[in-house]
Amino acid sequence: MSERYVRIYVAQPPDVGAEWVVRVDSDEPARFRHEKDALSYALRQARARTGQGVSVELRVEDDYGHWRSMAL
């Protein structure tokens, strides 16, 4: 794998009942009905990449539309 650093974005739905979106860098986004499923998917993606020696930054959108990030 040639990647050395990836960002994983978890975006809250804009409206009640809309889907959560998880995107790994420029890959197609994955959509989820529930927050726990979106976060679980994001963490699985992060674990898979850190296991391959890639640095991962997880970015999660908060209730106010601000992005919070953490290195994993």
N, C-alpha and C. Protein backbone atom coordinates (compact mmCIF):
# COMPACT_ATOMS: atom_id res chain seq x y z
N MET A 1 0.85 -1.17 0.00
CA MET A 1 0.00 0.00 0.00
C MET A 1 0.89 1.23 0.00
N SER A 2 0.60 2.17 -0.87
CA SER A 2 1.45 3.35 -0.99
C SER A 2 1.03 4.49 -0.07
N GLU A 3 -0.15 4.40 0.52
CA GLU A 3 -0.61 5.46 1.41
C GLU A 3 0.21 5.45 2.69
N ARG A 4 0.46 6.63 3.22
CA ARG A 4 1.17 6.74 4.49
C ARG A 4 0.34 7.50 5.51
N TYR A 5 -0.66 8.23 5.03
CA TYR A 5 -1.49 9.05 5.92
C TYR A 5 -2.89 9.15 5.31
N VAL A 6 -3.91 8.83 6.07
CA VAL A 6 -5.28 8.96 5.58
C VAL A 6 -6.13 9.69 6.61
N ARG A 7 -7.16 10.34 6.13
CA ARG A 7 -8.16 10.96 7.00
C ARG A 7 -9.48 10.24 6.82
N ILE A 8 -10.15 10.02 7.93
CA ILE A 8 -11.48 9.40 7.91
C ILE A 8 -12.45 10.44 8.46
N TYR A 9 -13.45 10.79 7.67
CA TYR A 9 -14.43 11.81 8.05
C TYR A 9 -15.75 11.15 8.42
N VAL A 10 -16.33 11.57 9.55
CA VAL A 10 -17.65 11.11 9.96
C VAL A 10 -18.53 12.35 10.05
N ALA A 11 -19.50 12.47 9.13
CA ALA A 11 -20.35 13.66 9.07
C ALA A 11 -21.75 13.35 9.57
N GLN A 12 -22.26 14.25 10.41
CA GLN A 12 -23.61 14.11 10.93
C GLN A 12 -24.62 14.42 9.83
N PRO A 13 -25.80 13.81 9.91
CA PRO A 13 -26.82 14.10 8.92
C PRO A 13 -27.33 15.53 9.08
N PRO A 14 -27.64 16.20 7.96
CA PRO A 14 -28.12 17.58 8.03
C PRO A 14 -29.54 17.69 8.62
N ASP A 15 -30.32 16.65 8.46
CA ASP A 15 -31.70 16.65 8.94
C ASP A 15 -31.98 15.40 9.76
N VAL A 16 -32.97 15.48 10.61
CA VAL A 16 -33.39 14.32 11.39
C VAL A 16 -33.86 13.23 10.43
N GLY A 17 -33.38 12.02 10.64
CA GLY A 17 -33.76 10.90 9.78
C GLY A 17 -32.87 10.72 8.56
N ALA A 18 -31.97 11.67 8.32
CA ALA A 18 -31.03 11.53 7.20
C ALA A 18 -29.90 10.59 7.61
N GLU A 19 -29.08 10.22 6.65
CA GLU A 19 -28.03 9.24 6.91
C GLU A 19 -26.72 9.89 7.34
N TRP A 20 -25.97 9.16 8.16
CA TRP A 20 -24.61 9.54 8.52
C TRP A 20 -23.71 9.16 7.36
N VAL A 21 -22.66 9.93 7.14
CA VAL A 21 -21.75 9.66 6.03
C VAL A 21 -20.34 9.48 6.58
N VAL A 22 -19.68 8.41 6.14
CA VAL A 22 -18.29 8.16 6.50
C VAL A 22 -17.49 8.10 5.20
N ARG A 23 -16.43 8.90 5.13
CA ARG A 23 -15.59 8.93 3.93
C ARG A 23 -14.14 8.74 4.34
N VAL A 24 -13.45 7.85 3.64
CA VAL A 24 -12.03 7.62 3.86
C VAL A 24 -11.30 8.32 2.73
N ASP A 25 -10.61 9.44 3.07
CA ASP A 25 -9.95 10.29 2.07
C ASP A 25 -10.89 10.54 0.89
N SER A 26 -10.48 10.16 -0.31
CA SER A 26 -11.29 10.48 -1.48
C SER A 26 -12.15 9.30 -1.95
N ASP A 27 -12.22 8.24 -1.16
CA ASP A 27 -13.07 7.10 -1.53
C ASP A 27 -14.54 7.50 -1.53
N GLU A 28 -15.35 6.70 -2.20
CA GLU A 28 -16.79 6.93 -2.17
C GLU A 28 -17.29 6.86 -0.73
N PRO A 29 -18.19 7.75 -0.34
CA PRO A 29 -18.68 7.71 1.04
C PRO A 29 -19.59 6.52 1.29
N ALA A 30 -19.53 6.03 2.52
CA ALA A 30 -20.45 4.98 2.98
C ALA A 30 -21.52 5.68 3.81
N ARG A 31 -22.76 5.21 3.71
CA ARG A 31 -23.87 5.87 4.41
C ARG A 31 -24.50 4.91 5.41
N PHE A 32 -24.88 5.49 6.56
CA PHE A 32 -25.43 4.68 7.65
C PHE A 32 -26.64 5.38 8.26
N ARG A 33 -27.57 4.60 8.70
CA ARG A 33 -28.79 5.13 9.32
C ARG A 33 -28.53 5.56 10.77
N HIS A 34 -27.63 4.86 11.44
CA HIS A 34 -27.40 5.09 12.87
C HIS A 34 -25.97 5.54 13.13
N GLU A 35 -25.83 6.42 14.13
CA GLU A 35 -24.52 6.95 14.51
C GLU A 35 -23.55 5.84 14.91
N LYS A 36 -24.01 4.88 15.70
CA LYS A 36 -23.12 3.83 16.17
C LYS A 36 -22.57 3.00 15.02
N ASP A 37 -23.38 2.78 13.97
CA ASP A 37 -22.90 2.03 12.81
C ASP A 37 -21.85 2.82 12.04
N ALA A 38 -22.05 4.12 11.91
CA ALA A 38 -21.09 4.98 11.21
C ALA A 38 -19.76 5.01 11.96
N LEU A 39 -19.82 5.19 13.27
CA LEU A 39 -18.59 5.24 14.06
C LEU A 39 -17.88 3.89 14.08
N SER A 40 -18.63 2.81 14.15
CA SER A 40 -18.05 1.48 14.13
C SER A 40 -17.32 1.23 12.81
N TYR A 41 -17.93 1.61 11.71
CA TYR A 41 -17.30 1.46 10.39
C TYR A 41 -16.02 2.29 10.32
N ALA A 42 -16.08 3.54 10.81
CA ALA A 42 -14.91 4.42 10.78
C ALA A 42 -13.75 3.81 11.57
N LEU A 43 -14.05 3.26 12.74
CA LEU A 43 -12.99 2.65 13.55
C LEU A 43 -12.44 1.38 12.92
N ARG A 44 -13.29 0.59 12.26
CA ARG A 44 -12.79 -0.59 11.55
C ARG A 44 -11.85 -0.20 10.42
N GLN A 45 -12.21 0.87 9.69
CA GLN A 45 -11.34 1.35 8.62
C GLN A 45 -10.01 1.85 9.18
N ALA A 46 -10.07 2.54 10.30
CA ALA A 46 -8.84 3.05 10.93
C ALA A 46 -7.95 1.89 11.38
N ARG A 47 -8.53 0.89 12.02
CA ARG A 47 -7.74 -0.26 12.48
C ARG A 47 -7.08 -1.00 11.32
N ALA A 48 -7.82 -1.14 10.24
CA ALA A 48 -7.28 -1.85 9.07
C ALA A 48 -6.06 -1.11 8.52
N ARG A 49 -6.13 0.21 8.51
CA ARG A 49 -5.03 0.99 7.95
C ARG A 49 -3.85 1.11 8.91
N THR A 50 -4.11 1.27 10.21
CA THR A 50 -2.99 1.35 11.15
C THR A 50 -2.25 0.02 11.21
N GLY A 51 -2.96 -1.07 10.99
CA GLY A 51 -2.33 -2.38 10.95
C GLY A 51 -1.39 -2.52 9.76
N GLN A 52 -1.55 -1.66 8.76
CA GLN A 52 -0.70 -1.68 7.57
C GLN A 52 0.38 -0.61 7.64
N GLY A 53 0.53 0.02 8.80
CA GLY A 53 1.57 1.02 8.98
C GLY A 53 1.21 2.41 8.49
N VAL A 54 -0.06 2.68 8.31
CA VAL A 54 -0.51 3.99 7.82
C VAL A 54 -0.96 4.84 9.00
N SER A 55 -0.59 6.12 9.02
CA SER A 55 -1.07 7.04 10.05
C SER A 55 -2.50 7.45 9.71
N VAL A 56 -3.34 7.48 10.71
CA VAL A 56 -4.76 7.76 10.49
C VAL A 56 -5.20 8.93 11.36
N GLU A 57 -5.95 9.86 10.75
CA GLU A 57 -6.59 10.95 11.48
C GLU A 57 -8.10 10.75 11.35
N LEU A 58 -8.77 10.68 12.48
CA LEU A 58 -10.23 10.55 12.50
C LEU A 58 -10.82 11.93 12.74
N ARG A 59 -11.70 12.37 11.85
CA ARG A 59 -12.33 13.68 11.97
C ARG A 59 -13.84 13.48 12.11
N VAL A 60 -14.41 13.97 13.21
CA VAL A 60 -15.83 13.80 13.49
C VAL A 60 -16.47 15.17 13.60
N GLU A 61 -17.59 15.35 12.91
CA GLU A 61 -18.32 16.61 12.96
C GLU A 61 -19.15 16.66 14.25
N ASP A 62 -19.04 17.77 14.99
CA ASP A 62 -19.81 17.88 16.23
C ASP A 62 -21.19 18.49 15.96
N ASP A 63 -21.97 18.69 17.03
CA ASP A 63 -23.34 19.19 16.90
C ASP A 63 -23.42 20.60 16.33
N TYR A 64 -22.31 21.32 16.31
CA TYR A 64 -22.30 22.70 15.84
C TYR A 64 -21.68 22.84 14.45
N GLY A 65 -21.37 21.72 13.81
CA GLY A 65 -20.79 21.76 12.48
C GLY A 65 -19.29 21.94 12.46
N HIS A 66 -18.65 21.87 13.62
CA HIS A 66 -17.19 21.98 13.70
C HIS A 66 -16.59 20.58 13.63
N TRP A 67 -15.41 20.49 13.06
CA TRP A 67 -14.72 19.21 12.96
C TRP A 67 -13.75 19.04 14.12
N ARG A 68 -13.82 17.91 14.77
CA ARG A 68 -12.89 17.53 15.85
C ARG A 68 -12.03 16.41 15.29
N SER A 69 -10.74 16.50 15.49
CA SER A 69 -9.88 15.45 14.95
C SER A 69 -9.00 14.84 16.01
N MET A 70 -8.62 13.60 15.73
CA MET A 70 -7.71 12.89 16.61
C MET A 70 -6.86 11.94 15.77
N ALA A 71 -5.62 11.84 16.13
CA ALA A 71 -4.72 10.90 15.45
C ALA A 71 -4.90 9.53 16.11
N LEU A 72 -4.97 8.51 15.30
CA LEU A 72 -5.13 7.15 15.83
C LEU A 72 -3.88 6.34 15.54
